Amino acid sequence: MTREELIKKGGIYFEKIQNGMTDYHWESRYFSPGKAADFIRQLWEKNGKENAFVDCYFPFLEEESQEMVLAALSLEQQEYLKKLKVGKDDLFLPLDDMLLSIAVTLNDKELLFFSFYFTKEPCTVWGNYKQEYVIFT
């Protein structure tokens, strides 16, 4: 899904966090990986499968960075990321269980940051800096 498609579907998108803080209501929360996964899953269930997305920049990383990211994951997670087919403009993928576990793990390790987008009840969750997630509504 492209940025334009996400916005048309009702998603909250901005490129700079300062824009989000100026244009939307926001709050920050601190989550351990397990609590982050629980919180994201609650939003996912509330919005429905067809209204939950995650951005993924892994395919666009240089090889050395990809190797660092993969080293932090299980073999199953590594295989999943290696098989991802993402077009240049298609950064927003439908959220699934594997992407959720990968995103929460990598956010926690601060190796690659993922944000989550929900469109039924518009909400964007920017993944984390020292376990702090910023939630925009």
C-alpha atoms as a PDB file:
ATOM      1  CA  MET A   1       0.000   0.000   0.000  1.00  0.00           C
ATOM      2  CA  THR A   2       1.295   3.464  -0.837  1.00  0.00           C
ATOM      3  CA  ARG A   3       1.242   6.487   1.447  1.00  0.00           C
ATOM      4  CA  GLU A   4      -1.574   7.984  -0.628  1.00  0.00           C
ATOM      5  CA  GLU A   5      -3.657   4.811  -0.324  1.00  0.00           C
ATOM      6  CA  LEU A   6      -3.102   4.721   3.434  1.00  0.00           C
ATOM      7  CA  ILE A   7      -4.232   8.348   3.788  1.00  0.00           C
ATOM      8  CA  LYS A   8      -7.244   7.768   1.521  1.00  0.00           C
ATOM      9  CA  LYS A   9      -8.231   4.824   3.731  1.00  0.00           C
ATOM     10  CA  GLY A  10      -8.194   7.154   6.743  1.00  0.00           C
ATOM     11  CA  GLY A  11      -4.693   6.566   8.083  1.00  0.00           C
ATOM     12  CA  ILE A  12      -2.773   9.208   9.983  1.00  0.00           C
ATOM     13  CA  TYR A  13       0.533   9.742   8.188  1.00  0.00           C
ATOM     14  CA  PHE A  14       3.255  12.363   8.494  1.00  0.00           C
ATOM     15  CA  GLU A  15       6.954  12.243   7.750  1.00  0.00           C
ATOM     16  CA  LYS A  16       8.294  14.197  10.709  1.00  0.00           C
ATOM     17  CA  ILE A  17       7.267  13.521  14.285  1.00  0.00           C
ATOM     18  CA  GLN A  18       7.064  17.279  14.919  1.00  0.00           C
ATOM     19  CA  ASN A  19       4.269  17.471  12.329  1.00  0.00           C
ATOM     20  CA  GLY A  20       2.391  14.731  14.159  1.00  0.00           C
ATOM     21  CA  MET A  21       2.792  16.495  17.474  1.00  0.00           C
ATOM     22  CA  THR A  22       1.536  19.747  16.003  1.00  0.00           C
ATOM     23  CA  ASP A  23      -1.346  18.353  13.930  1.00  0.00           C
ATOM     24  CA  TYR A  24      -2.719  15.522  16.109  1.00  0.00           C
ATOM     25  CA  HIS A  25      -3.484  14.630  19.691  1.00  0.00           C
ATOM     26  CA  TRP A  26      -0.624  12.492  20.971  1.00  0.00           C
ATOM     27  CA  GLU A  27       0.599  10.718  24.048  1.00  0.00           C
ATOM     28  CA  SER A  28       3.612   8.590  24.807  1.00  0.00           C
ATOM     29  CA  ARG A  29       3.729   5.317  26.688  1.00  0.00           C
ATOM     30  CA  TYR A  30       6.540   3.038  27.737  1.00  0.00           C
ATOM     31  CA  PHE A  31       6.149  -0.644  26.867  1.00  0.00           C
ATOM     32  CA  SER A  32       8.245  -3.741  27.273  1.00  0.00           C
ATOM     33  CA  PRO A  33       8.159  -5.905  24.130  1.00  0.00           C
ATOM     34  CA  GLY A  34       5.330  -8.058  25.519  1.00  0.00           C
ATOM     35  CA  LYS A  35       3.235  -5.063  26.564  1.00  0.00           C
ATOM     36  CA  ALA A  36       3.871  -3.355  23.210  1.00  0.00           C
ATOM     37  CA  ALA A  37       2.634  -6.454  21.370  1.00  0.00           C
ATOM     38  CA  ASP A  38      -0.465  -6.615  23.595  1.00  0.00           C
ATOM     39  CA  PHE A  39      -1.248  -2.928  23.029  1.00  0.00           C
ATOM     40  CA  ILE A  40      -0.816  -3.172  19.240  1.00  0.00           C
ATOM     41  CA  ARG A  41      -2.897  -6.359  19.158  1.00  0.00           C
ATOM     42  CA  GLN A  42      -5.745  -4.594  21.003  1.00  0.00           C
ATOM     43  CA  LEU A  43      -5.735  -1.795  18.417  1.00  0.00           C
ATOM     44  CA  TRP A  44      -5.581  -4.386  15.643  1.00  0.00           C
ATOM     45  CA  GLU A  45      -8.578  -6.285  17.004  1.00  0.00           C
ATOM     46  CA  LYS A  46     -10.520  -3.057  17.505  1.00  0.00           C
ATOM     47  CA  ASN A  47      -9.867  -1.899  13.919  1.00  0.00           C
ATOM     48  CA  GLY A  48     -10.059  -5.243  12.131  1.00  0.00           C
ATOM     49  CA  LYS A  49      -7.567  -7.014   9.935  1.00  0.00           C
ATOM     50  CA  GLU A  50      -8.379  -4.921   6.864  1.00  0.00           C
ATOM     51  CA  ASN A  51      -7.614  -1.688   8.743  1.00  0.00           C
ATOM     52  CA  ALA A  52      -4.230  -2.474  10.324  1.00  0.00           C
ATOM     53  CA  PHE A  53      -0.880  -1.801   8.674  1.00  0.00           C
ATOM     54  CA  VAL A  54       2.802  -1.577   9.523  1.00  0.00           C
ATOM     55  CA  ASP A  55       5.597   0.154   7.663  1.00  0.00           C
ATOM     56  CA  CYS A  56       8.640  -1.902   6.786  1.00  0.00           C
ATOM     57  CA  TYR A  57      11.908  -0.443   5.529  1.00  0.00           C
ATOM     58  CA  PHE A  58      13.939  -3.654   5.821  1.00  0.00           C
ATOM     59  CA  PRO A  59      14.085  -4.320   2.041  1.00  0.00           C
ATOM     60  CA  PHE A  60      15.585  -0.853   1.514  1.00  0.00           C
ATOM     61  CA  LEU A  61      18.459  -1.235   3.980  1.00  0.00           C
ATOM     62  CA  GLU A  62      22.012  -1.779   2.820  1.00  0.00           C
ATOM     63  CA  GLU A  63      23.226  -5.364   3.062  1.00  0.00           C
ATOM     64  CA  GLU A  64      25.330  -4.758   6.180  1.00  0.00           C
ATOM     65  CA  SER A  65      22.344  -3.236   8.001  1.00  0.00           C
ATOM     66  CA  GLN A  66      20.092  -6.074   6.884  1.00  0.00           C
ATOM     67  CA  GLU A  67      22.549  -8.577   8.345  1.00  0.00           C
ATOM     68  CA  MET A  68      22.544  -6.774  11.711  1.00  0.00           C
ATOM     69  CA  VAL A  69      18.749  -6.787  11.762  1.00  0.00           C
ATOM     70  CA  LEU A  70      18.501 -10.456  10.817  1.00  0.00           C
ATOM     71  CA  ALA A  71      20.990 -11.466  13.531  1.00  0.00           C
ATOM     72  CA  ALA A  72      18.526 -10.230  16.173  1.00  0.00           C
ATOM     73  CA  LEU A  73      15.691 -12.455  14.944  1.00  0.00           C
ATOM     74  CA  SER A  74      14.696 -16.096  15.041  1.00  0.00           C
ATOM     75  CA  LEU A  75      15.271 -18.209  11.916  1.00  0.00           C
ATOM     76  CA  GLU A  76      11.558 -18.118  11.130  1.00  0.00           C
ATOM     77  CA  GLN A  77      11.490 -14.321  11.418  1.00  0.00           C
ATOM     78  CA  GLN A  78      14.620 -14.043   9.279  1.00  0.00           C
ATOM     79  CA  GLU A  79      13.075 -16.125   6.511  1.00  0.00           C
ATOM     80  CA  TYR A  80       9.901 -14.066   6.621  1.00  0.00           C
ATOM     81  CA  LEU A  81      11.801 -10.777   6.178  1.00  0.00           C
ATOM     82  CA  LYS A  82      14.007 -12.181   3.427  1.00  0.00           C
ATOM     83  CA  LYS A  83      10.914 -13.163   1.441  1.00  0.00           C
ATOM     84  CA  LEU A  84       9.162  -9.801   1.754  1.00  0.00           C
ATOM     85  CA  LYS A  85       8.404  -8.260  -1.590  1.00  0.00           C
ATOM     86  CA  VAL A  86       7.918  -4.534  -1.184  1.00  0.00           C
ATOM     87  CA  GLY A  87       7.691  -2.074  -4.058  1.00  0.00           C
ATOM     88  CA  LYS A  88       9.516   1.248  -3.895  1.00  0.00           C
ATOM     89  CA  ASP A  89       6.334   3.095  -2.891  1.00  0.00           C
ATOM     90  CA  ASP A  90       4.572   0.247  -1.091  1.00  0.00           C
ATOM     91  CA  LEU A  91       5.903   0.685   2.420  1.00  0.00           C
ATOM     92  CA  PHE A  92       2.695  -0.164   4.297  1.00  0.00           C
ATOM     93  CA  LEU A  93       1.971  -3.837   4.693  1.00  0.00           C
ATOM     94  CA  PRO A  94      -1.090  -5.497   6.167  1.00  0.00           C
ATOM     95  CA  LEU A  95      -0.307  -6.321   9.777  1.00  0.00           C
ATOM     96  CA  ASP A  96       0.034 -10.011  10.564  1.00  0.00           C
ATOM     97  CA  ASP A  97       1.285 -11.989  13.557  1.00  0.00           C
ATOM     98  CA  MET A  98       4.795 -12.449  12.187  1.00  0.00           C
ATOM     99  CA  LEU A  99       5.212  -8.775  11.301  1.00  0.00           C
ATOM    100  CA  LEU A 100       3.944  -7.816  14.744  1.00  0.00           C
ATOM    101  CA  SER A 101       6.509 -10.046  16.476  1.00  0.00           C
ATOM    102  CA  ILE A 102       9.328  -8.827  14.213  1.00  0.00           C
ATOM    103  CA  ALA A 103       8.405  -5.169  14.647  1.00  0.00           C
ATOM    104  CA  VAL A 104       8.135  -5.360  18.419  1.00  0.00           C
ATOM    105  CA  THR A 105      11.455  -7.221  18.680  1.00  0.00           C
ATOM    106  CA  LEU A 106      13.348  -4.829  16.427  1.00  0.00           C
ATOM    107  CA  ASN A 107      11.750  -1.732  17.938  1.00  0.00           C
ATOM    108  CA  ASP A 108      12.818  -2.914  21.385  1.00  0.00           C
ATOM    109  CA  LYS A 109      16.385  -3.536  20.229  1.00  0.00           C
ATOM    110  CA  GLU A 110      16.353  -0.170  18.386  1.00  0.00           C
ATOM    111  CA  LEU A 111      17.716  -1.863  15.263  1.00  0.00           C
ATOM    112  CA  LEU A 112      14.893  -0.907  12.920  1.00  0.00           C
ATOM    113  CA  PHE A 113      11.876   1.183  13.781  1.00  0.00           C
ATOM    114  CA  PHE A 114       8.373   0.242  12.724  1.00  0.00           C
ATOM    115  CA  SER A 115       5.200   2.296  12.988  1.00  0.00           C
ATOM    116  CA  PHE A 116       1.679   0.903  13.068  1.00  0.00           C
ATOM    117  CA  TYR A 117      -1.296   2.452  11.292  1.00  0.00           C
ATOM    118  CA  PHE A 118      -4.958   1.812  12.040  1.00  0.00           C
ATOM    119  CA  THR A 119      -7.633   3.258   9.795  1.00  0.00           C
ATOM    120  CA  LYS A 120     -11.084   2.349  11.169  1.00  0.00           C
ATOM    121  CA  GLU A 121     -10.469   4.374  14.321  1.00  0.00           C
ATOM    122  CA  PRO A 122      -7.529   6.419  13.034  1.00  0.00           C
ATOM    123  CA  CYS A 123      -4.452   5.936  15.147  1.00  0.00           C
ATOM    124  CA  THR A 124      -0.744   5.781  14.395  1.00  0.00           C
ATOM    125  CA  VAL A 125       1.771   4.301  16.810  1.00  0.00           C
ATOM    126  CA  TRP A 126       5.393   5.290  16.229  1.00  0.00           C
ATOM    127  CA  GLY A 127       7.785   2.620  17.344  1.00  0.00           C
ATOM    128  CA  ASN A 128       9.998   3.134  19.992  1.00  0.00           C
ATOM    129  CA  TYR A 129      12.897   4.983  21.381  1.00  0.00           C
ATOM    130  CA  LYS A 130      14.072   3.442  24.668  1.00  0.00           C
ATOM    131  CA  GLN A 131      10.737   1.574  24.913  1.00  0.00           C
ATOM    132  CA  GLU A 132       8.695   4.763  24.401  1.00  0.00           C
ATOM    133  CA  TYR A 133       5.933   4.541  21.821  1.00  0.00           C
ATOM    134  CA  VAL A 134       4.209   7.706  20.602  1.00  0.00           C
ATOM    135  CA  ILE A 135       0.498   7.305  19.836  1.00  0.00           C
ATOM    136  CA  PHE A 136      -1.259   9.765  17.539  1.00  0.00           C
ATOM    137  CA  THR A 137      -5.036  10.100  17.217  1.00  0.00           C
END
